[in-house]
PDB file of N, CA and C in Angstrom:
ATOM      1  N   MET A   1     152.913 102.873 103.466  1.00  0.00           N
ATOM      2  CA  MET A   1     152.808 102.593 102.272  1.00  0.00           C
ATOM      3  C   MET A   1     153.762 103.534 101.453  1.00  0.00           C
ATOM      4  N   ARG A   2     154.581 103.437 101.172  1.00  0.00           N
ATOM      5  CA  ARG A   2     155.586 104.252 100.272  1.00  0.00           C
ATOM      6  C   ARG A   2     156.286 103.804  98.917  1.00  0.00           C
ATOM      7  N   ILE A   3     155.883 105.036  98.275  1.00  0.00           N
ATOM      8  CA  ILE A   3     155.885 104.722  96.701  1.00  0.00           C
ATOM      9  C   ILE A   3     157.244 105.257  96.377  1.00  0.00           C
ATOM     10  N   SER A   4     157.957 103.911  95.518  1.00  0.00           N
ATOM     11  CA  SER A   4     159.557 104.193  94.540  1.00  0.00           C
ATOM     12  C   SER A   4     159.565 104.038  93.500  1.00  0.00           C
ATOM     13  N   SER A   5     160.721 104.985  92.963  1.00  0.00           N
ATOM     14  CA  SER A   5     160.675 104.659  91.570  1.00  0.00           C
ATOM     15  C   SER A   5     162.460 104.680  91.129  1.00  0.00           C
ATOM     16  N   PHE A   6     162.122 103.777  89.959  1.00  0.00           N
ATOM     17  CA  PHE A   6     163.905 103.480  89.293  1.00  0.00           C
ATOM     18  C   PHE A   6     163.404 103.448  88.029  1.00  0.00           C
ATOM     19  N   THR A   7     165.023 103.853  87.399  1.00  0.00           N
ATOM     20  CA  THR A   7     164.708 104.001  85.999  1.00  0.00           C
ATOM     21  C   THR A   7     164.711 102.950  85.477  1.00  0.00           C
ATOM     22  N   SER A   8     164.624 102.505  84.591  1.00  0.00           N
ATOM     23  CA  SER A   8     164.675 100.868  83.437  1.00  0.00           C
ATOM     24  C   SER A   8     166.419 100.749  84.018  1.00  0.00           C
ATOM     25  N   ARG A   9     167.377 101.102  83.691  1.00  0.00           N
ATOM     26  CA  ARG A   9     168.681 101.226  83.896  1.00  0.00           C
ATOM     27  C   ARG A   9     168.846 100.669  85.272  1.00  0.00           C
ATOM     28  N   GLU A  10     168.238 101.035  86.532  1.00  0.00           N
ATOM     29  CA  GLU A  10     168.662 101.060  88.028  1.00  0.00           C
ATOM     30  C   GLU A  10     168.023  99.672  88.450  1.00  0.00           C
ATOM     31  N   PHE A  11     166.916  99.706  87.647  1.00  0.00           N
ATOM     32  CA  PHE A  11     165.755  98.220  88.018  1.00  0.00           C
ATOM     33  C   PHE A  11     166.639  96.972  87.034  1.00  0.00           C
ATOM     34  N   ASN A  12     167.090  97.450  86.209  1.00  0.00           N
ATOM     35  CA  ASN A  12     167.968  96.004  85.592  1.00  0.00           C
ATOM     36  C   ASN A  12     169.249  95.836  86.385  1.00  0.00           C
ATOM     37  N   ARG A  13     170.059  96.880  87.065  1.00  0.00           N
ATOM     38  CA  ARG A  13     171.569  96.845  87.918  1.00  0.00           C
ATOM     39  C   ARG A  13     171.026  96.076  89.117  1.00  0.00           C
ATOM     40  N   ASP A  14     170.174  96.600  89.996  1.00  0.00           N
ATOM     41  CA  ASP A  14     169.635  95.930  91.186  1.00  0.00           C
ATOM     42  C   ASP A  14     167.804  95.355  91.619  1.00  0.00           C
ATOM     43  N   THR A  15     167.412  94.543  90.682  1.00  0.00           N
ATOM     44  CA  THR A  15     166.370  94.031  90.758  1.00  0.00           C
ATOM     45  C   THR A  15     166.347  93.435  92.282  1.00  0.00           C
ATOM     46  N   GLY A  16     166.717  93.330  93.124  1.00  0.00           N
ATOM     47  CA  GLY A  16     166.922  92.425  94.293  1.00  0.00           C
ATOM     48  C   GLY A  16     166.422  94.148  95.546  1.00  0.00           C
ATOM     49  N   LYS A  17     166.899  95.123  94.995  1.00  0.00           N
ATOM     50  CA  LYS A  17     166.279  96.495  95.610  1.00  0.00           C
ATOM     51  C   LYS A  17     165.319  96.591  95.370  1.00  0.00           C
ATOM     52  N   ALA A  18     164.663  96.706  93.980  1.00  0.00           N
ATOM     53  CA  ALA A  18     163.309  96.812  93.681  1.00  0.00           C
ATOM     54  C   ALA A  18     162.357  95.993  94.033  1.00  0.00           C
ATOM     55  N   LYS A  19     162.872  94.938  94.273  1.00  0.00           N
ATOM     56  CA  LYS A  19     161.809  93.869  94.888  1.00  0.00           C
ATOM     57  C   LYS A  19     161.679  93.964  97.011  1.00  0.00           C
ATOM     58  N   LYS A  20     162.499  94.594  97.268  1.00  0.00           N
ATOM     59  CA  LYS A  20     162.405  94.961  98.865  1.00  0.00           C
ATOM     60  C   LYS A  20     161.331  96.195  98.801  1.00  0.00           C
ATOM     61  N   ALA A  21     162.075  97.236  98.015  1.00  0.00           N
ATOM     62  CA  ALA A  21     160.840  98.374  97.892  1.00  0.00           C
ATOM     63  C   ALA A  21     159.445  97.957  97.715  1.00  0.00           C
ATOM     64  N   ALA A  22     159.155  96.647  96.590  1.00  0.00           N
ATOM     65  CA  ALA A  22     157.692  96.476  96.453  1.00  0.00           C
ATOM     66  C   ALA A  22     157.384  95.723  97.280  1.00  0.00           C
ATOM     67  N   ILE A  23     158.055  95.574  98.704  1.00  0.00           N
ATOM     68  CA  ILE A  23     157.596  94.895  99.735  1.00  0.00           C
ATOM     69  C   ILE A  23     156.360  96.568 100.551  1.00  0.00           C
ATOM     70  N   ARG A  24     157.265  97.221 100.498  1.00  0.00           N
ATOM     71  CA  ARG A  24     157.157  98.497 101.542  1.00  0.00           C
ATOM     72  C   ARG A  24     155.721  99.528 100.803  1.00  0.00           C
ATOM     73  N   GLY A  25     155.680  98.936  99.139  1.00  0.00           N
ATOM     74  CA  GLY A  25     154.774  99.811  98.610  1.00  0.00           C
ATOM     75  C   GLY A  25     155.155  99.792  97.134  1.00  0.00           C
ATOM     76  N   PRO A  26     153.974 100.257  96.158  1.00  0.00           N
ATOM     77  CA  PRO A  26     154.241 100.288  94.601  1.00  0.00           C
ATOM     78  C   PRO A  26     155.698 100.539  94.036  1.00  0.00           C
ATOM     79  N   VAL A  27     156.036 100.012  92.992  1.00  0.00           N
ATOM     80  CA  VAL A  27     157.665 100.749  92.657  1.00  0.00           C
ATOM     81  C   VAL A  27     157.053 100.919  91.179  1.00  0.00           C
ATOM     82  N   PHE A  28     157.574 102.184  90.839  1.00  0.00           N
ATOM     83  CA  PHE A  28     157.182 103.011  89.331  1.00  0.00           C
ATOM     84  C   PHE A  28     158.697 102.768  88.728  1.00  0.00           C
ATOM     85  N   ILE A  29     158.512 102.149  87.975  1.00  0.00           N
ATOM     86  CA  ILE A  29     159.675 101.764  86.955  1.00  0.00           C
ATOM     87  C   ILE A  29     159.567 102.712  85.345  1.00  0.00           C
ATOM     88  N   THR A  30     160.585 103.761  85.423  1.00  0.00           N
ATOM     89  CA  THR A  30     160.421 104.647  84.472  1.00  0.00           C
ATOM     90  C   THR A  30     161.437 104.013  83.191  1.00  0.00           C
ATOM     91  N   ASN A  31     160.762 104.612  82.134  1.00  0.00           N
ATOM     92  CA  ASN A  31     161.580 104.517  80.705  1.00  0.00           C
ATOM     93  C   ASN A  31     161.554 106.048  80.291  1.00  0.00           C
ATOM     94  N   ARG A  32     162.963 106.463  79.721  1.00  0.00           N
ATOM     95  CA  ARG A  32     163.127 108.037  79.744  1.00  0.00           C
ATOM     96  C   ARG A  32     162.508 108.720  80.547  1.00  0.00           C
ATOM     97  N   GLY A  33     162.089 108.577  81.234  1.00  0.00           N
ATOM     98  CA  GLY A  33     161.963 110.142  82.432  1.00  0.00           C
ATOM     99  C   GLY A  33     160.062 109.519  83.037  1.00  0.00           C
ATOM    100  N   ARG A  34     159.579 108.952  82.043  1.00  0.00           N
ATOM    101  CA  ARG A  34     158.075 108.624  82.246  1.00  0.00           C
ATOM    102  C   ARG A  34     157.673 106.986  82.377  1.00  0.00           C
ATOM    103  N   PRO A  35     156.648 107.072  83.478  1.00  0.00           N
ATOM    104  CA  PRO A  35     156.436 105.752  84.168  1.00  0.00           C
ATOM    105  C   PRO A  35     155.903 104.889  83.120  1.00  0.00           C
ATOM    106  N   ALA A  36     156.482 103.949  83.286  1.00  0.00           N
ATOM    107  CA  ALA A  36     156.553 102.340  82.184  1.00  0.00           C
ATOM    108  C   ALA A  36     155.597 101.142  83.109  1.00  0.00           C
ATOM    109  N   TYR A  37     156.473 101.227  83.880  1.00  0.00           N
ATOM    110  CA  TYR A  37     155.773  99.787  84.253  1.00  0.00           C
ATOM    111  C   TYR A  37     155.408 100.132  86.104  1.00  0.00           C
ATOM    112  N   VAL A  38     154.732  99.137  86.565  1.00  0.00           N
ATOM    113  CA  VAL A  38     154.790  99.551  88.116  1.00  0.00           C
ATOM    114  C   VAL A  38     154.539  98.054  88.717  1.00  0.00           C
ATOM    115  N   LEU A  39     155.407  97.577  89.797  1.00  0.00           N
ATOM    116  CA  LEU A  39     156.096  96.543  90.375  1.00  0.00           C
ATOM    117  C   LEU A  39     155.406  96.727  91.702  1.00  0.00           C
ATOM    118  N   LEU A  40     154.815  95.761  92.315  1.00  0.00           N
ATOM    119  CA  LEU A  40     153.784  95.174  93.041  1.00  0.00           C
ATOM    120  C   LEU A  40     154.234  94.126  93.984  1.00  0.00           C
ATOM    121  N   ALA A  41     154.569  94.445  95.389  1.00  0.00           N
ATOM    122  CA  ALA A  41     154.287  92.702  95.625  1.00  0.00           C
ATOM    123  C   ALA A  41     153.064  91.976  95.448  1.00  0.00           C
ATOM    124  N   PHE A  42     153.303  90.283  95.591  1.00  0.00           N
ATOM    125  CA  PHE A  42     151.752  89.913  94.864  1.00  0.00           C
ATOM    126  C   PHE A  42     150.879  89.790  96.104  1.00  0.00           C
ATOM    127  N   GLU A  43     151.248  90.002  96.929  1.00  0.00           N
ATOM    128  CA  GLU A  43     149.746  90.528  98.224  1.00  0.00           C
ATOM    129  C   GLU A  43     148.986  91.373  98.243  1.00  0.00           C
ATOM    130  N   GLU A  44     149.831  92.656  97.730  1.00  0.00           N
ATOM    131  CA  GLU A  44     149.466  94.113  97.106  1.00  0.00           C
ATOM    132  C   GLU A  44     148.314  93.827  95.904  1.00  0.00           C
ATOM    133  N   TYR A  45     148.648  93.012  95.135  1.00  0.00           N
ATOM    134  CA  TYR A  45     147.752  92.779  93.783  1.00  0.00           C
ATOM    135  C   TYR A  45     147.255  91.898  93.783  1.00  0.00           C
ATOM    136  N   GLN A  46     146.751  91.002  94.458  1.00  0.00           N
ATOM    137  CA  GLN A  46     145.987  89.950  94.796  1.00  0.00           C
ATOM    138  C   GLN A  46     144.817  90.928  95.978  1.00  0.00           C
ATOM    139  N   ARG A  47     145.152  92.138  96.527  1.00  0.00           N
ATOM    140  CA  ARG A  47     144.527  93.097  97.598  1.00  0.00           C
ATOM    141  C   ARG A  47     143.484  93.685  96.488  1.00  0.00           C
ATOM    142  N   ILE A  48     144.110  94.180  95.551  1.00  0.00           N
ATOM    143  CA  ILE A  48     143.231  95.670  94.662  1.00  0.00           C
ATOM    144  C   ILE A  48     143.033  94.570  93.599  1.00  0.00           C
ATOM    145  N   THR A  49     142.699  93.285  93.191  1.00  0.00           N
ATOM    146  CA  THR A  49     142.153  92.445  92.224  1.00  0.00           C
ATOM    147  C   THR A  49     141.188  91.487  92.564  1.00  0.00           C
ATOM    148  N   ASP A  50     141.432  91.228  93.758  1.00  0.00           N
ATOM    149  CA  ASP A  50     140.310  90.289  94.356  1.00  0.00           C
ATOM    150  C   ASP A  50     139.307  90.753  95.096  1.00  0.00           C
ATOM    151  N   ARG A  51     138.440  91.248  93.991  1.00  0.00           N
ATOM    152  CA  ARG A  51     137.146  91.693  94.138  1.00  0.00           C
ATOM    153  C   ARG A  51     135.772  90.583  93.443  1.00  0.00           C
ATOM    154  N   HIS A  52     135.387  90.546  94.291  1.00  0.00           N
ATOM    155  CA  HIS A  52     133.941  89.857  93.734  1.00  0.00           C
ATOM    156  C   HIS A  52     132.684  90.461  93.520  1.00  0.00           C
ATOM    157  N   GLU A  53     132.405  91.693  93.556  1.00  0.00           N
ATOM    158  CA  GLU A  53     131.902  92.542  92.847  1.00  0.00           C
ATOM    159  C   GLU A  53     131.484  92.322  91.196  1.00  0.00           C
ATOM    160  N   ASN A  54     130.690  92.207  90.974  1.00  0.00           N
ATOM    161  CA  ASN A  54     130.299  92.455  89.193  1.00  0.00           C
ATOM    162  C   ASN A  54     129.525  93.785  89.207  1.00  0.00           C
ATOM    163  N   ILE A  55     129.471  94.593  88.027  1.00  0.00           N
ATOM    164  CA  ILE A  55     128.989  96.095  87.801  1.00  0.00           C
ATOM    165  C   ILE A  55     127.275  95.597  88.237  1.00  0.00           C
ATOM    166  N   VAL A  56     126.932  95.078  88.058  1.00  0.00           N
ATOM    167  CA  VAL A  56     125.296  94.514  88.654  1.00  0.00           C
ATOM    168  C   VAL A  56     125.496  94.986  90.171  1.00  0.00           C
ATOM    169  N   GLU A  57     125.828  94.043  90.766  1.00  0.00           N
ATOM    170  CA  GLU A  57     126.060  94.618  92.415  1.00  0.00           C
ATOM    171  C   GLU A  57     126.527  95.799  92.681  1.00  0.00           C
ATOM    172  N   LEU A  58     127.733  96.444  91.643  1.00  0.00           N
ATOM    173  CA  LEU A  58     128.000  97.573  92.318  1.00  0.00           C
ATOM    174  C   LEU A  58     127.018  98.658  92.189  1.00  0.00           C
ATOM    175  N   LEU A  59     126.435  98.802  90.944  1.00  0.00           N
ATOM    176  CA  LEU A  59     125.194  99.690  90.765  1.00  0.00           C
ATOM    177  C   LEU A  59     123.909  99.428  91.126  1.00  0.00           C
ATOM    178  N   SER A  60     123.939  98.472  92.143  1.00  0.00           N
ATOM    179  CA  SER A  60     122.494  98.018  92.533  1.00  0.00           C
ATOM    180  C   SER A  60     122.444  98.929  93.524  1.00  0.00           C
ATOM    181  N   MET A  61     121.096  99.267  94.292  1.00  0.00           N
ATOM    182  CA  MET A  61     120.759  99.901  95.211  1.00  0.00           C
ATOM    183  C   MET A  61     119.513  99.096  96.335  1.00  0.00           C
ATOM    184  N   PRO A  62     120.193  98.319  97.268  1.00  0.00           N
ATOM    185  CA  PRO A  62     119.171  97.280  97.944  1.00  0.00           C
ATOM    186  C   PRO A  62     118.895  97.964  98.618  1.00  0.00           C
ATOM    187  N   ASP A  63     118.667  99.627  99.329  1.00  0.00           N
ATOM    188  CA  ASP A  63     118.066  99.936 100.443  1.00  0.00           C
ATOM    189  C   ASP A  63     117.053 101.331  99.297  1.00  0.00           C
ATOM    190  N   SER A  64     116.986 100.665  98.073  1.00  0.00           N
ATOM    191  CA  SER A  64     116.166 102.169  97.130  1.00  0.00           C
ATOM    192  C   SER A  64     115.030 101.983  97.698  1.00  0.00           C
ATOM    193  N   ALA A  65     114.287 100.880  98.059  1.00  0.00           N
ATOM    194  CA  ALA A  65     112.482 100.893  98.712  1.00  0.00           C
ATOM    195  C   ALA A  65     112.193 101.742 100.158  1.00  0.00           C
ATOM    196  N   ASP A  66     113.494 102.319 100.699  1.00  0.00           N
ATOM    197  CA  ASP A  66     113.595 103.375 101.525  1.00  0.00           C
ATOM    198  C   ASP A  66     113.508 105.003 101.236  1.00  0.00           C
ATOM    199  N   ILE A  67     113.981 104.962  99.430  1.00  0.00           N
ATOM    200  CA  ILE A  67     113.597 105.796  98.914  1.00  0.00           C
ATOM    201  C   ILE A  67     112.366 106.754  98.570  1.00  0.00           C
ATOM    202  N   GLU A  68     112.372 107.858  99.046  1.00  0.00           N
ATOM    203  CA  GLU A  68     110.839 108.433  98.585  1.00  0.00           C
ATOM    204  C   GLU A  68     111.299 109.141  97.010  1.00  0.00           C
ATOM    205  N   PHE A  69     110.356 108.589  96.399  1.00  0.00           N
ATOM    206  CA  PHE A  69     110.126 109.766  95.279  1.00  0.00           C
ATOM    207  C   PHE A  69     108.944 110.286  94.742  1.00  0.00           C
ATOM    208  N   GLU A  70     108.678 111.660  94.470  1.00  0.00           N
ATOM    209  CA  GLU A  70     107.378 112.074  94.427  1.00  0.00           C
ATOM    210  C   GLU A  70     107.683 112.836  92.904  1.00  0.00           C
ATOM    211  N   PRO A  71     107.875 112.429  91.794  1.00  0.00           N
ATOM    212  CA  PRO A  71     108.006 113.386  90.779  1.00  0.00           C
ATOM    213  C   PRO A  71     107.144 114.319  90.757  1.00  0.00           C
ATOM    214  N   THR A  72     107.557 115.375  90.219  1.00  0.00           N
ATOM    215  CA  THR A  72     106.266 116.788  89.536  1.00  0.00           C
ATOM    216  C   THR A  72     105.663 116.343  88.322  1.00  0.00           C
ATOM    217  N   PRO A  73     104.666 116.582  88.561  1.00  0.00           N
ATOM    218  CA  PRO A  73     103.604 116.369  87.513  1.00  0.00           C
ATOM    219  C   PRO A  73     104.187 117.200  86.026  1.00  0.00           C
ATOM    220  N   ILE A  74     103.717 116.700  85.014  1.00  0.00           N
ATOM    221  CA  ILE A  74     104.370 117.050  83.569  1.00  0.00           C
ATOM    222  C   ILE A  74     103.069 117.826  82.838  1.00  0.00           C
ATOM    223  N   SER A  75     103.424 118.870  82.710  1.00  0.00           N
ATOM    224  CA  SER A  75     102.557 119.964  82.367  1.00  0.00           C
ATOM    225  C   SER A  75     101.799 118.925  80.994  1.00  0.00           C
ATOM    226  N   ASP A  76     100.831 120.178  80.659  1.00  0.00           N
ATOM    227  CA  ASP A  76      99.475 119.185  79.376  1.00  0.00           C
ATOM    228  C   ASP A  76     100.515 119.609  78.001  1.00  0.00           C
ATOM    229  N   ARG A  77     101.541 120.114  78.138  1.00  0.00           N
ATOM    230  CA  ARG A  77     101.852 120.278  76.760  1.00  0.00           C
ATOM    231  C   ARG A  77     103.652 119.908  76.820  1.00  0.00           C
ATOM    232  N   LEU A  78     103.827 118.923  76.312  1.00  0.00           N
ATOM    233  CA  LEU A  78     105.221 118.451  76.666  1.00  0.00           C
ATOM    234  C   LEU A  78     105.812 118.937  75.515  1.00  0.00           C
ATOM    235  N   TYR A  79     105.565 119.247  74.388  1.00  0.00           N
ATOM    236  CA  TYR A  79     105.978 120.086  73.266  1.00  0.00           C
ATOM    237  C   TYR A  79     105.734 121.304  72.734  1.00  0.00           C
ATOM    238  N   GLU A  80     106.821 122.217  71.985  1.00  0.00           N
ATOM    239  CA  GLU A  80     106.160 123.424  71.409  1.00  0.00           C
ATOM    240  C   GLU A  80     106.472 123.304  70.177  1.00  0.00           C
ATOM    241  N   PRO A  81     105.600 123.389  69.210  1.00  0.00           N
ATOM    242  CA  PRO A  81     106.052 123.428  67.594  1.00  0.00           C
ATOM    243  C   PRO A  81     107.169 124.423  67.109  1.00  0.00           C
ATOM    244  N   ALA A  82     107.660 123.968  66.315  1.00  0.00           N
ATOM    245  CA  ALA A  82     109.192 124.784  66.080  1.00  0.00           C
ATOM    246  C   ALA A  82     108.334 126.079  65.191  1.00  0.00           C
ATOM    247  N   ASP A  83     108.490 127.069  65.627  1.00  0.00           N
ATOM    248  CA  ASP A  83     108.236 128.058  64.778  1.00  0.00           C
ATOM    249  C   ASP A  83     109.444 128.177  63.797  1.00  0.00           C
ATOM    250  N   LEU A  84     108.870 128.086  62.485  1.00  0.00           N
ATOM    251  CA  LEU A  84     110.293 128.107  61.111  1.00  0.00           C
ATOM    252  C   LEU A  84     109.952 129.232  60.242  1.00  0.00           C
ATOM    253  N   ASP A  85     109.175 130.118  60.756  1.00  0.00           N
ATOM    254  CA  ASP A  85     108.829 131.568  59.791  1.00  0.00           C
ATOM    255  C   ASP A  85     110.005 132.593  60.086  1.00  0.00           C
TER     256      ASP A  85
END
């Protein structure tokens, strides 16, 4: 994967060159020296956005039954009264 960069002016002057570069990797299009846009080949866009997981699936721990957990016992005093003197 090769990352390319074009100024806005270069991009407007030669969009064909930017499209060819997007086949090899992302193309950053800058505006006044700062990245403003990213041009990707459609296949790359689909690859990075075509995820079927949702947040519940991503955070789930299907093998959590295999985890051994032994919490330490809590002492009798869970809190100490504040000394306001």
